[in-house]
Amino acid sequence: MSGYFLREVDSVAYAVVLRRLNALEPRFPPLEDQHLEHGHWWLGHDCDERIIGFAGLVPFVPFVLVGYLKRALVLPPHRGQGLQRLFLAVREAKARSLGWTMLVTECVGDNLHSQQNLERAGYARCVPEQRWGEPGSVYFVKTL
C-alpha cells in the first residue's frame, strides 16, 4: 500500500470536494450540511497527491458516544490496496479520541468486499431495531 496517505480535512472547507466524491457512488444519498458540520472527514491521496477516495465519521444521533461510519469510497483504479482498512483504522482512532464507545454502519447487501473488510476489522453483523439503510442493507456494530 505504499504511495498512499490519508489526511483529515475541514469538512466545511472541503464540502464541494466531498460532495463531488460522494456523488460518484450512485447509491449514496447526497451529503447533508449537518454531516459536514458535525462530522470528521478524510481524503485519501496517492503519491502524486491526487485524491483517490474519502471517508467520514459522524455522531449517531440521538445516541450518546456512538459514531456512524458515514461514507467510504475508493476510486476503482486504487481498490485492492488496503485503503478501506486504513480508512476504518483512522476513523476508529478518531472515535476513541472523542471518547466514543461504539461504531455502527451499514452497506448494501451486494457489497461483499465492504462486508468482508468490516468483519476483518472486528465489526459484527447486527439487526437494528430501526433500519436506516436501503432495503437489503447489512448492518454492523463494533464496541471500542
N, C-alpha and C. Protein backbone atom coordinates (compact mmCIF):
# COMPACT_ATOMS: atom_id res chain seq x y z
N MET A 1 0.82 -1.20 0.00
CA MET A 1 0.00 0.00 0.00
C MET A 1 0.86 1.25 0.00
N SER A 2 2.13 1.14 -0.23
CA SER A 2 2.98 2.32 -0.26
C SER A 2 2.50 3.26 -1.35
N GLY A 3 2.71 4.53 -1.11
CA GLY A 3 2.30 5.51 -2.09
C GLY A 3 0.95 6.14 -1.82
N TYR A 4 0.33 5.78 -0.72
CA TYR A 4 -0.96 6.36 -0.35
C TYR A 4 -0.89 6.97 1.04
N PHE A 5 -1.67 8.01 1.26
CA PHE A 5 -1.79 8.56 2.60
C PHE A 5 -3.18 9.16 2.77
N LEU A 6 -3.62 9.24 4.03
CA LEU A 6 -4.92 9.83 4.36
C LEU A 6 -4.68 11.11 5.12
N ARG A 7 -5.59 12.05 4.93
CA ARG A 7 -5.49 13.33 5.62
C ARG A 7 -6.87 13.74 6.08
N GLU A 8 -7.00 14.06 7.38
CA GLU A 8 -8.26 14.59 7.87
C GLU A 8 -8.39 16.02 7.37
N VAL A 9 -9.59 16.36 6.91
CA VAL A 9 -9.80 17.69 6.33
C VAL A 9 -10.92 18.42 7.06
N ASP A 10 -10.91 19.73 6.94
CA ASP A 10 -12.00 20.56 7.43
C ASP A 10 -13.16 20.34 6.46
N SER A 11 -14.18 19.64 6.92
CA SER A 11 -15.24 19.20 6.02
C SER A 11 -16.06 20.35 5.46
N VAL A 12 -16.16 21.46 6.16
CA VAL A 12 -16.90 22.60 5.62
C VAL A 12 -16.09 23.23 4.49
N ALA A 13 -14.78 23.39 4.72
CA ALA A 13 -13.92 23.96 3.68
C ALA A 13 -13.83 23.05 2.45
N TYR A 14 -13.93 21.75 2.66
CA TYR A 14 -13.82 20.77 1.57
C TYR A 14 -15.17 20.22 1.14
N ALA A 15 -16.25 20.92 1.48
CA ALA A 15 -17.60 20.43 1.19
C ALA A 15 -17.81 20.13 -0.29
N VAL A 16 -17.33 20.98 -1.16
CA VAL A 16 -17.53 20.77 -2.60
C VAL A 16 -16.82 19.49 -3.04
N VAL A 17 -15.60 19.28 -2.58
CA VAL A 17 -14.84 18.08 -2.94
C VAL A 17 -15.52 16.83 -2.39
N LEU A 18 -15.93 16.87 -1.12
CA LEU A 18 -16.58 15.72 -0.51
C LEU A 18 -17.90 15.39 -1.19
N ARG A 19 -18.66 16.40 -1.52
CA ARG A 19 -19.94 16.16 -2.21
C ARG A 19 -19.71 15.60 -3.62
N ARG A 20 -18.67 16.08 -4.29
CA ARG A 20 -18.36 15.56 -5.63
C ARG A 20 -17.96 14.09 -5.55
N LEU A 21 -17.12 13.74 -4.58
CA LEU A 21 -16.73 12.34 -4.41
C LEU A 21 -17.93 11.48 -4.03
N ASN A 22 -18.77 11.99 -3.13
CA ASN A 22 -19.96 11.27 -2.70
C ASN A 22 -20.86 10.96 -3.90
N ALA A 23 -20.97 11.90 -4.82
CA ALA A 23 -21.84 11.73 -5.99
C ALA A 23 -21.33 10.67 -6.97
N LEU A 24 -20.08 10.24 -6.83
CA LEU A 24 -19.54 9.21 -7.72
C LEU A 24 -20.17 7.84 -7.47
N GLU A 25 -20.73 7.64 -6.28
CA GLU A 25 -21.41 6.38 -5.97
C GLU A 25 -22.91 6.65 -6.06
N PRO A 26 -23.56 6.14 -7.09
CA PRO A 26 -24.99 6.45 -7.30
C PRO A 26 -25.89 6.06 -6.13
N ARG A 27 -25.48 5.08 -5.32
CA ARG A 27 -26.35 4.65 -4.21
C ARG A 27 -26.19 5.52 -2.97
N PHE A 28 -25.19 6.40 -2.95
CA PHE A 28 -25.03 7.29 -1.79
C PHE A 28 -26.02 8.45 -1.91
N PRO A 29 -26.83 8.67 -0.87
CA PRO A 29 -27.65 9.88 -0.87
C PRO A 29 -26.74 11.11 -0.75
N PRO A 30 -27.22 12.28 -1.14
CA PRO A 30 -26.40 13.49 -1.00
C PRO A 30 -25.99 13.71 0.46
N LEU A 31 -24.81 14.28 0.64
CA LEU A 31 -24.36 14.63 1.99
C LEU A 31 -25.11 15.86 2.46
N GLU A 32 -25.58 15.81 3.68
CA GLU A 32 -26.30 16.93 4.26
C GLU A 32 -25.32 17.84 5.00
N ASP A 33 -25.69 19.12 5.11
CA ASP A 33 -24.83 20.08 5.81
C ASP A 33 -24.49 19.61 7.22
N GLN A 34 -25.47 19.03 7.93
CA GLN A 34 -25.22 18.59 9.31
C GLN A 34 -24.11 17.56 9.39
N HIS A 35 -23.99 16.70 8.39
CA HIS A 35 -22.95 15.67 8.40
C HIS A 35 -21.58 16.28 8.17
N LEU A 36 -21.53 17.34 7.41
CA LEU A 36 -20.25 18.02 7.19
C LEU A 36 -19.90 18.89 8.40
N GLU A 37 -20.88 19.56 8.95
CA GLU A 37 -20.63 20.48 10.07
C GLU A 37 -20.29 19.76 11.37
N HIS A 38 -20.82 18.55 11.57
CA HIS A 38 -20.63 17.84 12.83
C HIS A 38 -19.85 16.54 12.68
N GLY A 39 -19.30 16.33 11.51
CA GLY A 39 -18.58 15.09 11.26
C GLY A 39 -17.09 15.30 11.13
N HIS A 40 -16.41 14.20 10.90
CA HIS A 40 -14.97 14.17 10.68
C HIS A 40 -14.75 13.45 9.36
N TRP A 41 -13.93 14.04 8.50
CA TRP A 41 -13.80 13.55 7.14
C TRP A 41 -12.34 13.45 6.73
N TRP A 42 -12.05 12.44 5.94
CA TRP A 42 -10.69 12.18 5.46
C TRP A 42 -10.70 12.07 3.95
N LEU A 43 -9.61 12.53 3.35
CA LEU A 43 -9.37 12.31 1.93
C LEU A 43 -8.17 11.39 1.81
N GLY A 44 -8.26 10.47 0.86
CA GLY A 44 -7.13 9.61 0.53
C GLY A 44 -6.42 10.20 -0.67
N HIS A 45 -5.09 10.11 -0.66
CA HIS A 45 -4.28 10.66 -1.74
C HIS A 45 -3.28 9.61 -2.21
N ASP A 46 -2.91 9.70 -3.49
CA ASP A 46 -1.83 8.85 -3.99
C ASP A 46 -0.51 9.59 -3.83
N CYS A 47 0.59 8.99 -4.27
CA CYS A 47 1.90 9.60 -4.07
C CYS A 47 2.07 10.91 -4.82
N ASP A 48 1.22 11.17 -5.82
CA ASP A 48 1.24 12.43 -6.55
C ASP A 48 0.24 13.44 -5.96
N GLU A 49 -0.30 13.09 -4.78
CA GLU A 49 -1.25 13.92 -4.04
C GLU A 49 -2.59 14.10 -4.76
N ARG A 50 -2.91 13.19 -5.67
CA ARG A 50 -4.24 13.18 -6.28
C ARG A 50 -5.20 12.52 -5.31
N ILE A 51 -6.41 13.03 -5.25
CA ILE A 51 -7.43 12.46 -4.37
C ILE A 51 -7.91 11.15 -4.97
N ILE A 52 -7.91 10.09 -4.14
CA ILE A 52 -8.31 8.77 -4.63
C ILE A 52 -9.46 8.17 -3.81
N GLY A 53 -9.96 8.92 -2.83
CA GLY A 53 -11.08 8.41 -2.04
C GLY A 53 -11.38 9.31 -0.87
N PHE A 54 -12.43 8.93 -0.13
CA PHE A 54 -12.81 9.70 1.06
C PHE A 54 -13.58 8.80 2.01
N ALA A 55 -13.68 9.26 3.25
CA ALA A 55 -14.46 8.55 4.27
C ALA A 55 -14.87 9.53 5.35
N GLY A 56 -15.98 9.22 6.01
CA GLY A 56 -16.50 10.10 7.05
C GLY A 56 -16.91 9.35 8.30
N LEU A 57 -16.98 10.11 9.37
CA LEU A 57 -17.41 9.63 10.68
C LEU A 57 -18.27 10.72 11.29
N VAL A 58 -19.49 10.38 11.69
CA VAL A 58 -20.40 11.37 12.27
C VAL A 58 -21.01 10.81 13.55
N PRO A 59 -21.50 11.70 14.42
CA PRO A 59 -22.23 11.21 15.60
C PRO A 59 -23.49 10.47 15.14
N PHE A 60 -23.82 9.40 15.85
CA PHE A 60 -25.03 8.63 15.53
C PHE A 60 -26.16 9.12 16.41
N VAL A 61 -26.77 10.21 16.00
CA VAL A 61 -27.82 10.88 16.75
C VAL A 61 -29.06 9.99 16.76
N PRO A 62 -29.69 9.82 17.90
CA PRO A 62 -29.57 10.53 19.16
C PRO A 62 -28.70 9.82 20.20
N PHE A 63 -27.97 8.81 19.82
CA PHE A 63 -27.22 8.02 20.79
C PHE A 63 -25.94 8.72 21.21
N VAL A 64 -25.69 8.73 22.50
CA VAL A 64 -24.51 9.40 23.05
C VAL A 64 -23.31 8.45 22.93
N LEU A 65 -22.17 9.00 22.53
CA LEU A 65 -20.90 8.27 22.44
C LEU A 65 -20.90 7.14 21.40
N VAL A 66 -21.80 7.26 20.42
CA VAL A 66 -21.86 6.29 19.33
C VAL A 66 -21.60 7.03 18.03
N GLY A 67 -20.72 6.48 17.21
CA GLY A 67 -20.42 7.08 15.93
C GLY A 67 -20.93 6.23 14.78
N TYR A 68 -21.09 6.87 13.66
CA TYR A 68 -21.58 6.21 12.45
C TYR A 68 -20.53 6.39 11.35
N LEU A 69 -20.10 5.29 10.77
CA LEU A 69 -19.19 5.33 9.63
C LEU A 69 -20.03 5.79 8.43
N LYS A 70 -20.00 7.07 8.16
CA LYS A 70 -20.95 7.69 7.23
C LYS A 70 -20.76 7.27 5.78
N ARG A 71 -19.57 7.36 5.29
CA ARG A 71 -19.30 7.05 3.90
C ARG A 71 -17.87 6.52 3.79
N ALA A 72 -17.61 5.81 2.73
CA ALA A 72 -16.25 5.42 2.35
C ALA A 72 -16.28 5.06 0.88
N LEU A 73 -15.34 5.61 0.15
CA LEU A 73 -15.25 5.33 -1.28
C LEU A 73 -13.79 5.41 -1.68
N VAL A 74 -13.34 4.41 -2.41
CA VAL A 74 -12.02 4.43 -3.03
C VAL A 74 -12.26 4.31 -4.53
N LEU A 75 -11.63 5.18 -5.29
CA LEU A 75 -11.80 5.14 -6.74
C LEU A 75 -11.32 3.80 -7.31
N PRO A 76 -12.02 3.28 -8.32
CA PRO A 76 -11.72 1.93 -8.82
C PRO A 76 -10.25 1.62 -9.12
N PRO A 77 -9.46 2.51 -9.72
CA PRO A 77 -8.08 2.12 -10.00
C PRO A 77 -7.22 1.90 -8.75
N HIS A 78 -7.71 2.32 -7.59
CA HIS A 78 -6.93 2.23 -6.36
C HIS A 78 -7.48 1.19 -5.38
N ARG A 79 -8.50 0.48 -5.79
CA ARG A 79 -9.08 -0.55 -4.92
C ARG A 79 -8.14 -1.75 -4.83
N GLY A 80 -8.29 -2.50 -3.73
CA GLY A 80 -7.47 -3.69 -3.54
C GLY A 80 -6.11 -3.39 -2.92
N GLN A 81 -5.93 -2.16 -2.44
CA GLN A 81 -4.65 -1.75 -1.86
C GLN A 81 -4.71 -1.62 -0.34
N GLY A 82 -5.84 -2.00 0.27
CA GLY A 82 -5.97 -1.91 1.72
C GLY A 82 -6.42 -0.54 2.22
N LEU A 83 -6.88 0.31 1.32
CA LEU A 83 -7.26 1.67 1.72
C LEU A 83 -8.51 1.69 2.58
N GLN A 84 -9.47 0.79 2.32
CA GLN A 84 -10.66 0.75 3.17
C GLN A 84 -10.28 0.41 4.61
N ARG A 85 -9.38 -0.53 4.79
CA ARG A 85 -8.93 -0.86 6.15
C ARG A 85 -8.26 0.33 6.81
N LEU A 86 -7.48 1.09 6.02
CA LEU A 86 -6.84 2.29 6.56
C LEU A 86 -7.88 3.34 6.94
N PHE A 87 -8.89 3.52 6.09
CA PHE A 87 -9.98 4.45 6.42
C PHE A 87 -10.70 4.00 7.70
N LEU A 88 -10.91 2.70 7.87
CA LEU A 88 -11.53 2.20 9.10
C LEU A 88 -10.65 2.52 10.31
N ALA A 89 -9.36 2.28 10.18
CA ALA A 89 -8.44 2.48 11.31
C ALA A 89 -8.40 3.94 11.76
N VAL A 90 -8.35 4.89 10.82
CA VAL A 90 -8.27 6.30 11.24
C VAL A 90 -9.59 6.76 11.86
N ARG A 91 -10.70 6.22 11.37
CA ARG A 91 -11.99 6.62 11.95
C ARG A 91 -12.16 6.02 13.34
N GLU A 92 -11.70 4.78 13.53
CA GLU A 92 -11.76 4.19 14.87
C GLU A 92 -10.88 4.97 15.84
N ALA A 93 -9.69 5.35 15.41
CA ALA A 93 -8.78 6.12 16.27
C ALA A 93 -9.42 7.45 16.65
N LYS A 94 -10.07 8.11 15.70
CA LYS A 94 -10.73 9.38 15.97
C LYS A 94 -11.87 9.18 16.97
N ALA A 95 -12.67 8.14 16.76
CA ALA A 95 -13.78 7.86 17.67
C ALA A 95 -13.28 7.63 19.09
N ARG A 96 -12.21 6.88 19.23
CA ARG A 96 -11.63 6.64 20.56
C ARG A 96 -11.15 7.96 21.18
N SER A 97 -10.52 8.80 20.38
CA SER A 97 -10.02 10.08 20.91
C SER A 97 -11.17 10.98 21.35
N LEU A 98 -12.35 10.79 20.79
CA LEU A 98 -13.53 11.56 21.18
C LEU A 98 -14.26 10.93 22.37
N GLY A 99 -13.79 9.78 22.81
CA GLY A 99 -14.43 9.09 23.92
C GLY A 99 -15.64 8.28 23.51
N TRP A 100 -15.84 8.07 22.21
CA TRP A 100 -16.97 7.28 21.74
C TRP A 100 -16.71 5.82 22.08
N THR A 101 -17.76 5.09 22.35
CA THR A 101 -17.62 3.70 22.80
C THR A 101 -18.10 2.66 21.79
N MET A 102 -18.72 3.14 20.72
CA MET A 102 -19.27 2.20 19.74
C MET A 102 -19.34 2.86 18.37
N LEU A 103 -19.19 2.04 17.34
CA LEU A 103 -19.37 2.49 15.96
C LEU A 103 -20.38 1.58 15.28
N VAL A 104 -21.20 2.16 14.43
CA VAL A 104 -22.16 1.41 13.64
C VAL A 104 -22.04 1.83 12.18
N THR A 105 -22.49 0.95 11.32
CA THR A 105 -22.53 1.28 9.89
C THR A 105 -23.41 0.27 9.18
N GLU A 106 -23.59 0.49 7.89
CA GLU A 106 -24.29 -0.48 7.05
C GLU A 106 -23.73 -0.37 5.66
N CYS A 107 -23.95 -1.41 4.89
CA CYS A 107 -23.60 -1.36 3.47
C CYS A 107 -24.64 -2.17 2.71
N VAL A 108 -24.73 -1.91 1.43
CA VAL A 108 -25.71 -2.62 0.63
C VAL A 108 -25.37 -4.10 0.60
N GLY A 109 -26.40 -4.91 0.50
CA GLY A 109 -26.23 -6.35 0.60
C GLY A 109 -25.33 -6.98 -0.44
N ASP A 110 -25.19 -6.36 -1.61
CA ASP A 110 -24.34 -6.95 -2.65
C ASP A 110 -22.89 -6.46 -2.59
N ASN A 111 -22.55 -5.64 -1.61
CA ASN A 111 -21.18 -5.13 -1.48
C ASN A 111 -20.38 -6.07 -0.57
N LEU A 112 -20.01 -7.20 -1.11
CA LEU A 112 -19.32 -8.22 -0.32
C LEU A 112 -17.94 -7.78 0.14
N HIS A 113 -17.25 -6.98 -0.67
CA HIS A 113 -15.92 -6.51 -0.27
C HIS A 113 -15.99 -5.67 0.99
N SER A 114 -16.95 -4.74 1.05
CA SER A 114 -17.09 -3.91 2.25
C SER A 114 -17.49 -4.75 3.45
N GLN A 115 -18.38 -5.71 3.24
CA GLN A 115 -18.78 -6.58 4.35
C GLN A 115 -17.58 -7.34 4.89
N GLN A 116 -16.76 -7.88 4.00
CA GLN A 116 -15.57 -8.62 4.43
C GLN A 116 -14.57 -7.71 5.14
N ASN A 117 -14.37 -6.50 4.64
CA ASN A 117 -13.46 -5.56 5.30
C ASN A 117 -13.94 -5.24 6.71
N LEU A 118 -15.23 -5.03 6.87
CA LEU A 118 -15.78 -4.73 8.19
C LEU A 118 -15.61 -5.92 9.13
N GLU A 119 -15.91 -7.10 8.66
CA GLU A 119 -15.77 -8.29 9.51
C GLU A 119 -14.31 -8.52 9.90
N ARG A 120 -13.38 -8.34 8.96
CA ARG A 120 -11.96 -8.49 9.28
C ARG A 120 -11.49 -7.47 10.31
N ALA A 121 -12.14 -6.30 10.32
CA ALA A 121 -11.78 -5.24 11.27
C ALA A 121 -12.49 -5.40 12.61
N GLY A 122 -13.22 -6.50 12.79
CA GLY A 122 -13.84 -6.76 14.09
C GLY A 122 -15.27 -6.29 14.24
N TYR A 123 -15.91 -5.90 13.16
CA TYR A 123 -17.31 -5.49 13.23
C TYR A 123 -18.19 -6.73 13.15
N ALA A 124 -19.25 -6.71 13.94
CA ALA A 124 -20.19 -7.84 13.96
C ALA A 124 -21.47 -7.43 13.25
N ARG A 125 -22.02 -8.37 12.51
CA ARG A 125 -23.33 -8.12 11.90
C ARG A 125 -24.37 -7.98 13.01
N CYS A 126 -25.35 -7.13 12.75
CA CYS A 126 -26.42 -6.94 13.73
C CYS A 126 -27.71 -6.66 12.99
N VAL A 127 -28.80 -6.74 13.72
CA VAL A 127 -30.11 -6.40 13.17
C VAL A 127 -30.66 -5.27 14.04
N PRO A 128 -30.57 -4.03 13.56
CA PRO A 128 -31.04 -2.91 14.37
C PRO A 128 -32.56 -2.91 14.51
N GLU A 129 -33.00 -2.36 15.60
CA GLU A 129 -34.44 -2.26 15.82
C GLU A 129 -35.10 -1.41 14.74
N GLN A 130 -34.43 -0.32 14.37
CA GLN A 130 -34.93 0.54 13.29
C GLN A 130 -33.86 0.61 12.21
N ARG A 131 -34.17 0.08 11.05
CA ARG A 131 -33.21 0.07 9.94
C ARG A 131 -33.23 1.41 9.24
N TRP A 132 -32.06 1.90 8.88
CA TRP A 132 -31.95 3.20 8.24
C TRP A 132 -31.42 3.10 6.81
N GLY A 133 -30.86 1.99 6.43
CA GLY A 133 -30.30 1.84 5.09
C GLY A 133 -31.35 1.42 4.08
N GLU A 134 -30.91 1.34 2.84
CA GLU A 134 -31.84 0.91 1.80
C GLU A 134 -32.20 -0.56 2.01
N PRO A 135 -33.30 -1.02 1.45
CA PRO A 135 -33.69 -2.42 1.60
C PRO A 135 -32.55 -3.36 1.18
N GLY A 136 -32.35 -4.39 1.96
CA GLY A 136 -31.29 -5.35 1.69
C GLY A 136 -29.95 -5.00 2.31
N SER A 137 -29.87 -3.87 3.02
CA SER A 137 -28.62 -3.46 3.66
C SER A 137 -28.23 -4.43 4.76
N VAL A 138 -26.92 -4.53 4.99
CA VAL A 138 -26.37 -5.35 6.06
C VAL A 138 -25.78 -4.38 7.08
N TYR A 139 -26.08 -4.60 8.36
CA TYR A 139 -25.70 -3.68 9.44
C TYR A 139 -24.59 -4.28 10.29
N PHE A 140 -23.74 -3.36 10.79
CA PHE A 140 -22.58 -3.77 11.58
C PHE A 140 -22.42 -2.88 12.80
N VAL A 141 -21.79 -3.47 13.84
CA VAL A 141 -21.52 -2.72 15.07
C VAL A 141 -20.17 -3.18 15.61
N LYS A 142 -19.48 -2.24 16.27
CA LYS A 142 -18.21 -2.58 16.93
C LYS A 142 -18.10 -1.76 18.21
N THR A 143 -17.84 -2.46 19.31
CA THR A 143 -17.58 -1.78 20.57
C THR A 143 -16.11 -1.43 20.61
N LEU A 144 -15.83 -0.19 20.97
CA LEU A 144 -14.43 0.28 21.02
C LEU A 144 -13.84 0.09 22.41
